């Protein structure tokens, strides 16, 4: 069982290998699973870095 890191109630790590976590982040960030995986591959799993990457690399 994986333990997810949290700061307060915020998830701080994006885990694209766990289906329920992937679903959470796709909904939370409003991106496709492929875009989310690409972001994690590019900047790593830290949620803040993923958010910043997606904000600058996706069409809103």
PDB file of N, CA and C in Angstrom:
ATOM      1  N   UNK A   1       0.843  -1.182   0.000  1.00  0.00           N
ATOM      2  CA  UNK A   1       0.000   0.000   0.000  1.00  0.00           C
ATOM      3  C   UNK A   1       0.885   1.241   0.000  1.00  0.00           C
ATOM      4  N   UNK A   2       0.577   2.184  -0.856  1.00  0.00           N
ATOM      5  CA  UNK A   2       1.349   3.418  -0.922  1.00  0.00           C
ATOM      6  C   UNK A   2       0.712   4.466  -0.020  1.00  0.00           C
ATOM      7  N   UNK A   3       1.557   5.204   0.662  1.00  0.00           N
ATOM      8  CA  UNK A   3       1.075   6.310   1.483  1.00  0.00           C
ATOM      9  C   UNK A   3       1.310   7.583   0.689  1.00  0.00           C
ATOM     10  N   UNK A   4       0.272   8.389   0.537  1.00  0.00           N
ATOM     11  CA  UNK A   4       0.368   9.616  -0.226  1.00  0.00           C
ATOM     12  C   UNK A   4       0.747  10.758   0.697  1.00  0.00           C
ATOM     13  N   UNK A   5       1.731  11.541   0.275  1.00  0.00           N
ATOM     14  CA  UNK A   5       2.162  12.681   1.054  1.00  0.00           C
ATOM     15  C   UNK A   5       1.120  13.781   0.936  1.00  0.00           C
ATOM     16  N   UNK A   6       0.883  14.452   2.036  1.00  0.00           N
ATOM     17  CA  UNK A   6      -0.066  15.553   2.030  1.00  0.00           C
ATOM     18  C   UNK A   6       0.479  16.694   2.870  1.00  0.00           C
ATOM     19  N   UNK A   7       0.205  17.890   2.452  1.00  0.00           N
ATOM     20  CA  UNK A   7       0.515  19.077   3.243  1.00  0.00           C
ATOM     21  C   UNK A   7      -0.831  19.603   3.699  1.00  0.00           C
ATOM     22  N   UNK A   8      -1.152  19.435   4.963  1.00  0.00           N
ATOM     23  CA  UNK A   8      -2.500  19.750   5.408  1.00  0.00           C
ATOM     24  C   UNK A   8      -3.437  18.766   4.747  1.00  0.00           C
ATOM     25  N   UNK A   9      -4.373  19.273   3.962  1.00  0.00           N
ATOM     26  CA  UNK A   9      -5.287  18.404   3.228  1.00  0.00           C
ATOM     27  C   UNK A   9      -4.952  18.358   1.748  1.00  0.00           C
ATOM     28  N   UNK A  10      -3.879  19.011   1.362  1.00  0.00           N
ATOM     29  CA  UNK A  10      -3.472  19.057  -0.038  1.00  0.00           C
ATOM     30  C   UNK A  10      -2.587  17.871  -0.392  1.00  0.00           C
ATOM     31  N   UNK A  11      -2.868  17.250  -1.516  1.00  0.00           N
ATOM     32  CA  UNK A  11      -1.957  16.231  -2.035  1.00  0.00           C
ATOM     33  C   UNK A  11      -0.760  16.962  -2.622  1.00  0.00           C
ATOM     34  N   UNK A  12       0.438  16.485  -2.333  1.00  0.00           N
ATOM     35  CA  UNK A  12       1.623  17.167  -2.847  1.00  0.00           C
ATOM     36  C   UNK A  12       2.382  16.334  -3.877  1.00  0.00           C
ATOM     37  N   UNK A  13       1.967  15.081  -4.064  1.00  0.00           N
ATOM     38  CA  UNK A  13       2.603  14.206  -5.040  1.00  0.00           C
ATOM     39  C   UNK A  13       1.546  13.675  -6.000  1.00  0.00           C
ATOM     40  N   UNK A  14       1.818  13.774  -7.284  1.00  0.00           N
ATOM     41  CA  UNK A  14       0.923  13.261  -8.315  1.00  0.00           C
ATOM     42  C   UNK A  14       1.373  11.845  -8.656  1.00  0.00           C
ATOM     43  N   UNK A  15       0.517  10.881  -8.362  1.00  0.00           N
ATOM     44  CA  UNK A  15       0.830   9.473  -8.630  1.00  0.00           C
ATOM     45  C   UNK A  15      -0.011   9.012  -9.813  1.00  0.00           C
ATOM     46  N   UNK A  16       0.608   8.920 -10.984  1.00  0.00           N
ATOM     47  CA  UNK A  16      -0.132   8.525 -12.180  1.00  0.00           C
ATOM     48  C   UNK A  16      -0.202   7.009 -12.352  1.00  0.00           C
ATOM     49  N   UNK A  17       0.421   6.269 -11.442  1.00  0.00           N
ATOM     50  CA  UNK A  17       0.392   4.809 -11.520  1.00  0.00           C
ATOM     51  C   UNK A  17      -0.753   4.198 -10.724  1.00  0.00           C
ATOM     52  N   UNK A  18      -1.349   4.968  -9.845  1.00  0.00           N
ATOM     53  CA  UNK A  18      -2.485   4.511  -9.037  1.00  0.00           C
ATOM     54  C   UNK A  18      -3.750   5.075  -9.671  1.00  0.00           C
ATOM     55  N   UNK A  19      -4.630   4.203 -10.139  1.00  0.00           N
ATOM     56  CA  UNK A  19      -5.806   4.624 -10.915  1.00  0.00           C
ATOM     57  C   UNK A  19      -6.664   5.663 -10.195  1.00  0.00           C
ATOM     58  N   UNK A  20      -6.928   5.468  -8.906  1.00  0.00           N
ATOM     59  CA  UNK A  20      -7.767   6.427  -8.187  1.00  0.00           C
ATOM     60  C   UNK A  20      -7.081   7.784  -8.067  1.00  0.00           C
ATOM     61  N   UNK A  21      -5.772   7.792  -7.924  1.00  0.00           N
ATOM     62  CA  UNK A  21      -5.027   9.046  -7.862  1.00  0.00           C
ATOM     63  C   UNK A  21      -5.007   9.721  -9.233  1.00  0.00           C
ATOM     64  N   UNK A  22      -4.812   8.944 -10.275  1.00  0.00           N
ATOM     65  CA  UNK A  22      -4.843   9.478 -11.630  1.00  0.00           C
ATOM     66  C   UNK A  22      -6.193  10.149 -11.893  1.00  0.00           C
ATOM     67  N   UNK A  23      -7.274   9.453 -11.544  1.00  0.00           N
ATOM     68  CA  UNK A  23      -8.615  10.012 -11.730  1.00  0.00           C
ATOM     69  C   UNK A  23      -8.778  11.316 -10.952  1.00  0.00           C
ATOM     70  N   UNK A  24      -8.283  11.328  -9.719  1.00  0.00           N
ATOM     71  CA  UNK A  24      -8.373  12.539  -8.896  1.00  0.00           C
ATOM     72  C   UNK A  24      -7.696  13.716  -9.596  1.00  0.00           C
ATOM     73  N   UNK A  25      -6.446  13.516 -10.052  1.00  0.00           N
ATOM     74  CA  UNK A  25      -5.678  14.610 -10.636  1.00  0.00           C
ATOM     75  C   UNK A  25      -6.234  15.049 -11.985  1.00  0.00           C
ATOM     76  N   UNK A  26      -6.739  14.127 -12.781  1.00  0.00           N
ATOM     77  CA  UNK A  26      -7.351  14.493 -14.059  1.00  0.00           C
ATOM     78  C   UNK A  26      -8.537  15.428 -13.801  1.00  0.00           C
ATOM     79  N   UNK A  27      -9.350  15.084 -12.814  1.00  0.00           N
ATOM     80  CA  UNK A  27     -10.501  15.922 -12.464  1.00  0.00           C
ATOM     81  C   UNK A  27     -10.048  17.237 -11.843  1.00  0.00           C
ATOM     82  N   UNK A  28      -9.144  17.164 -10.902  1.00  0.00           N
ATOM     83  CA  UNK A  28      -8.649  18.340 -10.186  1.00  0.00           C
ATOM     84  C   UNK A  28      -8.030  19.371 -11.133  1.00  0.00           C
ATOM     85  N   UNK A  29      -7.255  18.902 -12.092  1.00  0.00           N
ATOM     86  CA  UNK A  29      -6.516  19.807 -12.969  1.00  0.00           C
ATOM     87  C   UNK A  29      -7.197  20.060 -14.305  1.00  0.00           C
ATOM     88  N   UNK A  30      -8.236  19.299 -14.605  1.00  0.00           N
ATOM     89  CA  UNK A  30      -8.976  19.511 -15.846  1.00  0.00           C
ATOM     90  C   UNK A  30      -8.175  19.219 -17.094  1.00  0.00           C
ATOM     91  N   UNK A  31      -7.365  18.151 -17.038  1.00  0.00           N
ATOM     92  CA  UNK A  31      -6.539  17.754 -18.174  1.00  0.00           C
ATOM     93  C   UNK A  31      -6.790  16.286 -18.479  1.00  0.00           C
ATOM     94  N   UNK A  32      -6.306  15.847 -19.624  1.00  0.00           N
ATOM     95  CA  UNK A  32      -6.431  14.428 -19.960  1.00  0.00           C
ATOM     96  C   UNK A  32      -5.375  13.628 -19.190  1.00  0.00           C
ATOM     97  N   UNK A  33      -5.591  12.338 -19.092  1.00  0.00           N
ATOM     98  CA  UNK A  33      -4.616  11.462 -18.439  1.00  0.00           C
ATOM     99  C   UNK A  33      -3.290  11.509 -19.176  1.00  0.00           C
ATOM    100  N   UNK A  34      -3.324  11.566 -20.498  1.00  0.00           N
ATOM    101  CA  UNK A  34      -2.085  11.647 -21.279  1.00  0.00           C
ATOM    102  C   UNK A  34      -1.319  12.931 -20.982  1.00  0.00           C
ATOM    103  N   UNK A  35      -2.031  14.060 -20.908  1.00  0.00           N
ATOM    104  CA  UNK A  35      -1.368  15.327 -20.580  1.00  0.00           C
ATOM    105  C   UNK A  35      -0.772  15.285 -19.179  1.00  0.00           C
ATOM    106  N   UNK A  36      -1.491  14.688 -18.256  1.00  0.00           N
ATOM    107  CA  UNK A  36      -0.989  14.586 -16.891  1.00  0.00           C
ATOM    108  C   UNK A  36       0.258  13.714 -16.830  1.00  0.00           C
ATOM    109  N   UNK A  37       0.224  12.583 -17.487  1.00  0.00           N
ATOM    110  CA  UNK A  37       1.409  11.704 -17.520  1.00  0.00           C
ATOM    111  C   UNK A  37       2.601  12.415 -18.151  1.00  0.00           C
ATOM    112  N   UNK A  38       2.374  13.139 -19.232  1.00  0.00           N
ATOM    113  CA  UNK A  38       3.439  13.873 -19.909  1.00  0.00           C
ATOM    114  C   UNK A  38       4.037  14.919 -18.968  1.00  0.00           C
ATOM    115  N   UNK A  39       3.198  15.610 -18.229  1.00  0.00           N
ATOM    116  CA  UNK A  39       3.681  16.615 -17.283  1.00  0.00           C
ATOM    117  C   UNK A  39       4.546  15.972 -16.198  1.00  0.00           C
ATOM    118  N   UNK A  40       4.093  14.839 -15.653  1.00  0.00           N
ATOM    119  CA  UNK A  40       4.856  14.152 -14.608  1.00  0.00           C
ATOM    120  C   UNK A  40       6.178  13.640 -15.174  1.00  0.00           C
ATOM    121  N   UNK A  41       6.172  13.132 -16.376  1.00  0.00           N
ATOM    122  CA  UNK A  41       7.422  12.677 -17.007  1.00  0.00           C
ATOM    123  C   UNK A  41       8.399  13.835 -17.195  1.00  0.00           C
ATOM    124  N   UNK A  42       7.872  15.018 -17.466  1.00  0.00           N
ATOM    125  CA  UNK A  42       8.710  16.180 -17.755  1.00  0.00           C
ATOM    126  C   UNK A  42       9.263  16.831 -16.493  1.00  0.00           C
ATOM    127  N   UNK A  43       8.391  17.054 -15.491  1.00  0.00           N
ATOM    128  CA  UNK A  43       8.813  17.832 -14.313  1.00  0.00           C
ATOM    129  C   UNK A  43       8.878  17.033 -13.026  1.00  0.00           C
ATOM    130  N   UNK A  44       8.456  15.768 -13.069  1.00  0.00           N
ATOM    131  CA  UNK A  44       8.446  14.964 -11.854  1.00  0.00           C
ATOM    132  C   UNK A  44       7.086  15.008 -11.181  1.00  0.00           C
ATOM    133  N   UNK A  45       6.927  14.292 -10.070  1.00  0.00           N
ATOM    134  CA  UNK A  45       5.613  14.108  -9.468  1.00  0.00           C
ATOM    135  C   UNK A  45       5.166  15.172  -8.458  1.00  0.00           C
ATOM    136  N   UNK A  46       5.972  16.180  -8.193  1.00  0.00           N
ATOM    137  CA  UNK A  46       5.559  17.204  -7.239  1.00  0.00           C
ATOM    138  C   UNK A  46       4.386  18.003  -7.805  1.00  0.00           C
ATOM    139  N   UNK A  47       3.292  18.061  -7.049  1.00  0.00           N
ATOM    140  CA  UNK A  47       2.060  18.664  -7.539  1.00  0.00           C
ATOM    141  C   UNK A  47       2.249  20.111  -7.983  1.00  0.00           C
ATOM    142  N   UNK A  48       3.004  20.897  -7.240  1.00  0.00           N
ATOM    143  CA  UNK A  48       3.195  22.295  -7.605  1.00  0.00           C
ATOM    144  C   UNK A  48       3.884  22.409  -8.963  1.00  0.00           C
ATOM    145  N   UNK A  49       4.913  21.617  -9.190  1.00  0.00           N
ATOM    146  CA  UNK A  49       5.619  21.643 -10.474  1.00  0.00           C
ATOM    147  C   UNK A  49       4.701  21.193 -11.610  1.00  0.00           C
ATOM    148  N   UNK A  50       3.886  20.181 -11.356  1.00  0.00           N
ATOM    149  CA  UNK A  50       2.949  19.695 -12.375  1.00  0.00           C
ATOM    150  C   UNK A  50       1.932  20.780 -12.703  1.00  0.00           C
ATOM    151  N   UNK A  51       1.389  21.433 -11.666  1.00  0.00           N
ATOM    152  CA  UNK A  51       0.422  22.520 -11.898  1.00  0.00           C
ATOM    153  C   UNK A  51       1.046  23.643 -12.730  1.00  0.00           C
ATOM    154  N   UNK A  52       2.264  24.043 -12.381  1.00  0.00           N
ATOM    155  CA  UNK A  52       2.931  25.120 -13.108  1.00  0.00           C
ATOM    156  C   UNK A  52       3.197  24.727 -14.556  1.00  0.00           C
ATOM    157  N   UNK A  53       3.648  23.497 -14.754  1.00  0.00           N
ATOM    158  CA  UNK A  53       3.903  23.018 -16.113  1.00  0.00           C
ATOM    159  C   UNK A  53       2.617  23.042 -16.938  1.00  0.00           C
ATOM    160  N   UNK A  54       1.549  22.491 -16.384  1.00  0.00           N
ATOM    161  CA  UNK A  54       0.295  22.437 -17.125  1.00  0.00           C
ATOM    162  C   UNK A  54      -0.245  23.824 -17.406  1.00  0.00           C
ATOM    163  N   UNK A  55      -0.079  24.744 -16.469  1.00  0.00           N
ATOM    164  CA  UNK A  55      -0.570  26.106 -16.668  1.00  0.00           C
ATOM    165  C   UNK A  55       0.134  26.784 -17.843  1.00  0.00           C
ATOM    166  N   UNK A  56       1.387  26.440 -18.065  1.00  0.00           N
ATOM    167  CA  UNK A  56       2.133  27.077 -19.145  1.00  0.00           C
ATOM    168  C   UNK A  56       2.184  26.271 -20.433  1.00  0.00           C
ATOM    169  N   UNK A  57       1.667  25.031 -20.416  1.00  0.00           N
ATOM    170  CA  UNK A  57       1.770  24.188 -21.603  1.00  0.00           C
ATOM    171  C   UNK A  57       0.445  23.639 -22.126  1.00  0.00           C
ATOM    172  N   UNK A  58      -0.655  24.078 -21.585  1.00  0.00           N
ATOM    173  CA  UNK A  58      -1.948  23.604 -22.093  1.00  0.00           C
ATOM    174  C   UNK A  58      -2.797  24.783 -22.519  1.00  0.00           C
ATOM    175  N   UNK A  59      -3.668  24.525 -23.456  1.00  0.00           N
ATOM    176  CA  UNK A  59      -4.604  25.537 -23.912  1.00  0.00           C
ATOM    177  C   UNK A  59      -5.754  25.588 -22.925  1.00  0.00           C
ATOM    178  N   UNK A  60      -6.032  26.731 -22.396  1.00  0.00           N
ATOM    179  CA  UNK A  60      -7.112  26.873 -21.408  1.00  0.00           C
ATOM    180  C   UNK A  60      -8.363  27.397 -22.089  1.00  0.00           C
TER     181      UNK A  60
END
